[in-house]
Amino acid sequence: LEIGTGSGYLTALLASCSEHVTSIDIHS
């Protein structure tokens, strides 16, 4: 669970080494 998607870069890093990432961001 990632709180703060932002650019999506850390999301991609986490997804590269885990089964699944759910990422939340307040900005559409």
PDB file of all heavy atoms in Angstrom:
ATOM      1  N   LEU A   1       0.864  -1.182   0.000  1.00  0.00           N
ATOM      2  CA  LEU A   1       0.000   0.000   0.000  1.00  0.00           C
ATOM      3  C   LEU A   1       0.898   1.229   0.000  1.00  0.00           C
ATOM      4  O   LEU A   1       1.714   1.415   0.904  1.00  0.00           O
ATOM      5  CB  LEU A   1      -0.905   0.017   1.233  1.00  0.00           C
ATOM      6  CG  LEU A   1      -1.772   1.281   1.414  1.00  0.00           C
ATOM      7  CD1 LEU A   1      -2.789   1.407   0.278  1.00  0.00           C
ATOM      8  CD2 LEU A   1      -2.477   1.259   2.770  1.00  0.00           C
ATOM      9  N   GLU A   2       0.756   2.054  -1.031  1.00  0.00           N
ATOM     10  CA  GLU A   2       1.537   3.291  -1.149  1.00  0.00           C
ATOM     11  C   GLU A   2       0.594   4.478  -0.980  1.00  0.00           C
ATOM     12  O   GLU A   2      -0.397   4.580  -1.691  1.00  0.00           O
ATOM     13  CB  GLU A   2       2.231   3.360  -2.515  1.00  0.00           C
ATOM     14  CG  GLU A   2       3.025   4.635  -2.723  1.00  0.00           C
ATOM     15  CD  GLU A   2       3.520   4.806  -4.153  1.00  0.00           C
ATOM     16  OE1 GLU A   2       2.789   4.412  -5.101  1.00  0.00           O
ATOM     17  OE2 GLU A   2       4.632   5.337  -4.336  1.00  0.00           O
ATOM     18  N   ILE A   3       0.909   5.357  -0.058  1.00  0.00           N
ATOM     19  CA  ILE A   3       0.126   6.562   0.153  1.00  0.00           C
ATOM     20  C   ILE A   3       0.876   7.733  -0.463  1.00  0.00           C
ATOM     21  O   ILE A   3       1.905   8.172   0.049  1.00  0.00           O
ATOM     22  CB  ILE A   3      -0.132   6.819   1.654  1.00  0.00           C
ATOM     23  CG1 ILE A   3      -0.811   5.615   2.296  1.00  0.00           C
ATOM     24  CG2 ILE A   3      -0.972   8.072   1.833  1.00  0.00           C
ATOM     25  CD1 ILE A   3      -2.159   5.258   1.713  1.00  0.00           C
ATOM     26  N   GLY A   4       0.382   8.215  -1.586  1.00  0.00           N
ATOM     27  CA  GLY A   4       1.032   9.293  -2.321  1.00  0.00           C
ATOM     28  C   GLY A   4       1.663   8.774  -3.596  1.00  0.00           C
ATOM     29  O   GLY A   4       2.859   8.487  -3.641  1.00  0.00           O
ATOM     30  N   THR A   5       0.865   8.660  -4.659  1.00  0.00           N
ATOM     31  CA  THR A   5       1.373   8.157  -5.937  1.00  0.00           C
ATOM     32  C   THR A   5       2.378   9.108  -6.551  1.00  0.00           C
ATOM     33  O   THR A   5       3.417   8.682  -7.070  1.00  0.00           O
ATOM     34  CB  THR A   5       0.200   7.955  -6.928  1.00  0.00           C
ATOM     35  OG1 THR A   5      -0.816   7.181  -6.316  1.00  0.00           O
ATOM     36  CG2 THR A   5       0.665   7.305  -8.208  1.00  0.00           C
ATOM     37  N   GLY A   6       2.052  10.413  -6.499  1.00  0.00           N
ATOM     38  CA  GLY A   6       2.947  11.406  -7.089  1.00  0.00           C
ATOM     39  C   GLY A   6       3.196  11.130  -8.559  1.00  0.00           C
ATOM     40  O   GLY A   6       2.276  10.936  -9.345  1.00  0.00           O
ATOM     41  N   SER A   7       4.463  11.068  -8.932  1.00  0.00           N
ATOM     42  CA  SER A   7       4.820  10.849 -10.338  1.00  0.00           C
ATOM     43  C   SER A   7       4.571   9.423 -10.791  1.00  0.00           C
ATOM     44  O   SER A   7       4.467   9.151 -11.990  1.00  0.00           O
ATOM     45  CB  SER A   7       6.305  11.188 -10.544  1.00  0.00           C
ATOM     46  OG  SER A   7       7.122  10.213  -9.896  1.00  0.00           O
ATOM     47  N   GLY A   8       4.509   8.477  -9.833  1.00  0.00           N
ATOM     48  CA  GLY A   8       4.354   7.074 -10.183  1.00  0.00           C
ATOM     49  C   GLY A   8       5.670   6.324 -10.246  1.00  0.00           C
ATOM     50  O   GLY A   8       5.687   5.098 -10.449  1.00  0.00           O
ATOM     51  N   TYR A   9       6.789   7.012 -10.038  1.00  0.00           N
ATOM     52  CA  TYR A   9       8.106   6.357 -10.141  1.00  0.00           C
ATOM     53  C   TYR A   9       8.316   5.341  -9.022  1.00  0.00           C
ATOM     54  O   TYR A   9       8.681   4.185  -9.283  1.00  0.00           O
ATOM     55  CB  TYR A   9       9.205   7.415 -10.126  1.00  0.00           C
ATOM     56  CG  TYR A   9      10.609   6.865 -10.215  1.00  0.00           C
ATOM     57  CD1 TYR A   9      11.005   6.074 -11.287  1.00  0.00           C
ATOM     58  CD2 TYR A   9      11.547   7.149  -9.225  1.00  0.00           C
ATOM     59  CE1 TYR A   9      12.300   5.575 -11.378  1.00  0.00           C
ATOM     60  CE2 TYR A   9      12.844   6.659  -9.305  1.00  0.00           C
ATOM     61  CZ  TYR A   9      13.216   5.874 -10.380  1.00  0.00           C
ATOM     62  OH  TYR A   9      14.502   5.389 -10.460  1.00  0.00           O
ATOM     63  N   LEU A  10       8.071   5.743  -7.772  1.00  0.00           N
ATOM     64  CA  LEU A  10       8.226   4.787  -6.675  1.00  0.00           C
ATOM     65  C   LEU A  10       7.205   3.656  -6.819  1.00  0.00           C
ATOM     66  O   LEU A  10       7.511   2.502  -6.497  1.00  0.00           O
ATOM     67  CB  LEU A  10       8.069   5.477  -5.322  1.00  0.00           C
ATOM     68  CG  LEU A  10       8.230   4.570  -4.094  1.00  0.00           C
ATOM     69  CD1 LEU A  10       9.595   3.884  -4.093  1.00  0.00           C
ATOM     70  CD2 LEU A  10       8.031   5.367  -2.806  1.00  0.00           C
ATOM     71  N   THR A  11       6.030   3.972  -7.313  1.00  0.00           N
ATOM     72  CA  THR A  11       5.023   2.944  -7.579  1.00  0.00           C
ATOM     73  C   THR A  11       5.600   1.877  -8.505  1.00  0.00           C
ATOM     74  O   THR A  11       5.453   0.676  -8.268  1.00  0.00           O
ATOM     75  CB  THR A  11       3.771   3.558  -8.236  1.00  0.00           C
ATOM     76  OG1 THR A  11       3.403   4.757  -7.549  1.00  0.00           O
ATOM     77  CG2 THR A  11       2.615   2.587  -8.236  1.00  0.00           C
ATOM     78  N   ALA A  12       6.270   2.322  -9.566  1.00  0.00           N
ATOM     79  CA  ALA A  12       6.870   1.397 -10.526  1.00  0.00           C
ATOM     80  C   ALA A  12       7.989   0.580  -9.891  1.00  0.00           C
ATOM     81  O   ALA A  12       8.116  -0.626 -10.136  1.00  0.00           O
ATOM     82  CB  ALA A  12       7.398   2.166 -11.732  1.00  0.00           C
ATOM     83  N   LEU A  13       8.808   1.223  -9.058  1.00  0.00           N
ATOM     84  CA  LEU A  13       9.892   0.513  -8.376  1.00  0.00           C
ATOM     85  C   LEU A  13       9.330  -0.583  -7.472  1.00  0.00           C
ATOM     86  O   LEU A  13       9.817  -1.720  -7.464  1.00  0.00           O
ATOM     87  CB  LEU A  13      10.730   1.493  -7.550  1.00  0.00           C
ATOM     88  CG  LEU A  13      11.517   2.566  -8.307  1.00  0.00           C
ATOM     89  CD1 LEU A  13      12.107   3.574  -7.330  1.00  0.00           C
ATOM     90  CD2 LEU A  13      12.623   1.936  -9.153  1.00  0.00           C
ATOM     91  N   LEU A  14       8.290  -0.235  -6.708  1.00  0.00           N
ATOM     92  CA  LEU A  14       7.674  -1.198  -5.796  1.00  0.00           C
ATOM     93  C   LEU A  14       7.022  -2.351  -6.567  1.00  0.00           C
ATOM     94  O   LEU A  14       7.111  -3.511  -6.170  1.00  0.00           O
ATOM     95  CB  LEU A  14       6.629  -0.495  -4.928  1.00  0.00           C
ATOM     96  CG  LEU A  14       7.172   0.493  -3.878  1.00  0.00           C
ATOM     97  CD1 LEU A  14       6.054   1.378  -3.346  1.00  0.00           C
ATOM     98  CD2 LEU A  14       7.836  -0.263  -2.735  1.00  0.00           C
ATOM     99  N   ALA A  15       6.365  -2.002  -7.682  1.00  0.00           N
ATOM    100  CA  ALA A  15       5.693  -3.029  -8.485  1.00  0.00           C
ATOM    101  C   ALA A  15       6.692  -4.003  -9.102  1.00  0.00           C
ATOM    102  O   ALA A  15       6.352  -5.161  -9.366  1.00  0.00           O
ATOM    103  CB  ALA A  15       4.862  -2.371  -9.583  1.00  0.00           C
ATOM    104  N   SER A  16       7.919  -3.552  -9.298  1.00  0.00           N
ATOM    105  CA  SER A  16       8.935  -4.396  -9.923  1.00  0.00           C
ATOM    106  C   SER A  16       9.417  -5.520  -9.015  1.00  0.00           C
ATOM    107  O   SER A  16      10.038  -6.470  -9.497  1.00  0.00           O
ATOM    108  CB  SER A  16      10.139  -3.541 -10.342  1.00  0.00           C
ATOM    109  OG  SER A  16       9.762  -2.579 -11.300  1.00  0.00           O
ATOM    110  N   CYS A  17       9.128  -5.406  -7.712  1.00  0.00           N
ATOM    111  CA  CYS A  17       9.653  -6.422  -6.789  1.00  0.00           C
ATOM    112  C   CYS A  17       8.600  -6.948  -5.826  1.00  0.00           C
ATOM    113  O   CYS A  17       8.934  -7.581  -4.820  1.00  0.00           O
ATOM    114  CB  CYS A  17      10.844  -5.858  -6.009  1.00  0.00           C
ATOM    115  SG  CYS A  17      10.536  -4.283  -5.176  1.00  0.00           S
ATOM    116  N   SER A  18       7.320  -6.707  -6.117  1.00  0.00           N
ATOM    117  CA  SER A  18       6.241  -7.194  -5.248  1.00  0.00           C
ATOM    118  C   SER A  18       5.148  -7.828  -6.100  1.00  0.00           C
ATOM    119  O   SER A  18       5.155  -7.725  -7.322  1.00  0.00           O
ATOM    120  CB  SER A  18       5.663  -6.050  -4.412  1.00  0.00           C
ATOM    121  OG  SER A  18       5.052  -5.082  -5.245  1.00  0.00           O
ATOM    122  N   GLU A  19       4.188  -8.464  -5.418  1.00  0.00           N
ATOM    123  CA  GLU A  19       3.091  -9.083  -6.160  1.00  0.00           C
ATOM    124  C   GLU A  19       2.127  -8.037  -6.701  1.00  0.00           C
ATOM    125  O   GLU A  19       1.687  -8.112  -7.846  1.00  0.00           O
ATOM    126  CB  GLU A  19       2.328 -10.060  -5.259  1.00  0.00           C
ATOM    127  CG  GLU A  19       1.163 -10.740  -5.974  1.00  0.00           C
ATOM    128  CD  GLU A  19       0.411 -11.716  -5.070  1.00  0.00           C
ATOM    129  OE1 GLU A  19       0.977 -12.133  -4.042  1.00  0.00           O
ATOM    130  OE2 GLU A  19      -0.736 -12.057  -5.401  1.00  0.00           O
ATOM    131  N   HIS A  20       1.797  -7.048  -5.869  1.00  0.00           N
ATOM    132  CA  HIS A  20       0.814  -6.047  -6.281  1.00  0.00           C
ATOM    133  C   HIS A  20       0.975  -4.792  -5.442  1.00  0.00           C
ATOM    134  O   HIS A  20       1.333  -4.859  -4.258  1.00  0.00           O
ATOM    135  CB  HIS A  20      -0.608  -6.583  -6.116  1.00  0.00           C
ATOM    136  CG  HIS A  20      -1.656  -5.719  -6.740  1.00  0.00           C
ATOM    137  ND1 HIS A  20      -2.271  -4.685  -6.061  1.00  0.00           N
ATOM    138  CD2 HIS A  20      -2.190  -5.714  -7.987  1.00  0.00           C
ATOM    139  CE1 HIS A  20      -3.137  -4.095  -6.864  1.00  0.00           C
ATOM    140  NE2 HIS A  20      -3.103  -4.695  -8.040  1.00  0.00           N
ATOM    141  N   VAL A  21       0.724  -3.635  -6.068  1.00  0.00           N
ATOM    142  CA  VAL A  21       0.779  -2.343  -5.385  1.00  0.00           C
ATOM    143  C   VAL A  21      -0.557  -1.636  -5.540  1.00  0.00           C
ATOM    144  O   VAL A  21      -1.079  -1.523  -6.653  1.00  0.00           O
ATOM    145  CB  VAL A  21       1.895  -1.440  -5.957  1.00  0.00           C
ATOM    146  CG1 VAL A  21       1.893  -0.075  -5.258  1.00  0.00           C
ATOM    147  CG2 VAL A  21       3.262  -2.106  -5.817  1.00  0.00           C
ATOM    148  N   THR A  22      -1.128  -1.185  -4.429  1.00  0.00           N
ATOM    149  CA  THR A  22      -2.260  -0.264  -4.455  1.00  0.00           C
ATOM    150  C   THR A  22      -1.740   1.096  -4.038  1.00  0.00           C
ATOM    151  O   THR A  22      -1.137   1.234  -2.970  1.00  0.00           O
ATOM    152  CB  THR A  22      -3.376  -0.714  -3.488  1.00  0.00           C
ATOM    153  OG1 THR A  22      -3.888  -1.973  -3.926  1.00  0.00           O
ATOM    154  CG2 THR A  22      -4.511   0.301  -3.465  1.00  0.00           C
ATOM    155  N   SER A  23      -1.922   2.086  -4.892  1.00  0.00           N
ATOM    156  CA  SER A  23      -1.364   3.412  -4.638  1.00  0.00           C
ATOM    157  C   SER A  23      -2.484   4.449  -4.596  1.00  0.00           C
ATOM    158  O   SER A  23      -3.346   4.482  -5.477  1.00  0.00           O
ATOM    159  CB  SER A  23      -0.339   3.773  -5.721  1.00  0.00           C
ATOM    160  OG  SER A  23       0.297   4.997  -5.415  1.00  0.00           O
ATOM    161  N   ILE A  24      -2.441   5.304  -3.576  1.00  0.00           N
ATOM    162  CA  ILE A  24      -3.484   6.293  -3.323  1.00  0.00           C
ATOM    163  C   ILE A  24      -2.926   7.698  -3.526  1.00  0.00           C
ATOM    164  O   ILE A  24      -1.817   7.997  -3.074  1.00  0.00           O
ATOM    165  CB  ILE A  24      -4.010   6.194  -1.863  1.00  0.00           C
ATOM    166  CG1 ILE A  24      -4.230   4.739  -1.450  1.00  0.00           C
ATOM    167  CG2 ILE A  24      -5.250   7.030  -1.680  1.00  0.00           C
ATOM    168  CD1 ILE A  24      -5.268   3.998  -2.224  1.00  0.00           C
ATOM    169  N   ASP A  25      -3.693   8.563  -4.177  1.00  0.00           N
ATOM    170  CA  ASP A  25      -3.295   9.970  -4.265  1.00  0.00           C
ATOM    171  C   ASP A  25      -4.536  10.847  -4.304  1.00  0.00           C
ATOM    172  O   ASP A  25      -5.549  10.486  -4.918  1.00  0.00           O
ATOM    173  CB  ASP A  25      -2.431  10.246  -5.495  1.00  0.00           C
ATOM    174  CG  ASP A  25      -1.558  11.486  -5.315  1.00  0.00           C
ATOM    175  OD1 ASP A  25      -2.103  12.618  -5.346  1.00  0.00           O
ATOM    176  OD2 ASP A  25      -0.334  11.329  -5.129  1.00  0.00           O
ATOM    177  N   ILE A  26      -4.439  12.013  -3.678  1.00  0.00           N
ATOM    178  CA  ILE A  26      -5.566  12.931  -3.593  1.00  0.00           C
ATOM    179  C   ILE A  26      -5.771  13.693  -4.895  1.00  0.00           C
ATOM    180  O   ILE A  26      -6.854  14.234  -5.146  1.00  0.00           O
ATOM    181  CB  ILE A  26      -5.368  13.900  -2.404  1.00  0.00           C
ATOM    182  CG1 ILE A  26      -6.683  14.595  -2.044  1.00  0.00           C
ATOM    183  CG2 ILE A  26      -4.259  14.903  -2.700  1.00  0.00           C
ATOM    184  CD1 ILE A  26      -6.617  15.383  -0.747  1.00  0.00           C
ATOM    185  N   HIS A  27      -4.744  13.746  -5.743  1.00  0.00           N
ATOM    186  CA  HIS A  27      -4.806  14.524  -6.985  1.00  0.00           C
ATOM    187  C   HIS A  27      -5.158  13.617  -8.171  1.00  0.00           C
ATOM    188  O   HIS A  27      -4.381  12.722  -8.525  1.00  0.00           O
ATOM    189  CB  HIS A  27      -3.487  15.240  -7.246  1.00  0.00           C
ATOM    190  CG  HIS A  27      -3.104  16.221  -6.184  1.00  0.00           C
ATOM    191  ND1 HIS A  27      -3.828  17.370  -5.946  1.00  0.00           N
ATOM    192  CD2 HIS A  27      -2.083  16.223  -5.293  1.00  0.00           C
ATOM    193  CE1 HIS A  27      -3.269  18.047  -4.960  1.00  0.00           C
ATOM    194  NE2 HIS A  27      -2.215  17.375  -4.545  1.00  0.00           N
ATOM    195  N   SER A  28      -6.287  13.873  -8.794  1.00  0.00           N
ATOM    196  CA  SER A  28      -6.711  13.040  -9.925  1.00  0.00           C
ATOM    197  C   SER A  28      -5.745  13.157 -11.105  1.00  0.00           C
ATOM    198  O   SER A  28      -5.561  12.193 -11.861  1.00  0.00           O
ATOM    199  CB  SER A  28      -8.123  13.437 -10.373  1.00  0.00           C
ATOM    200  OG  SER A  28      -8.176  14.798 -10.773  1.00  0.00           O
TER     201      SER A  28
END
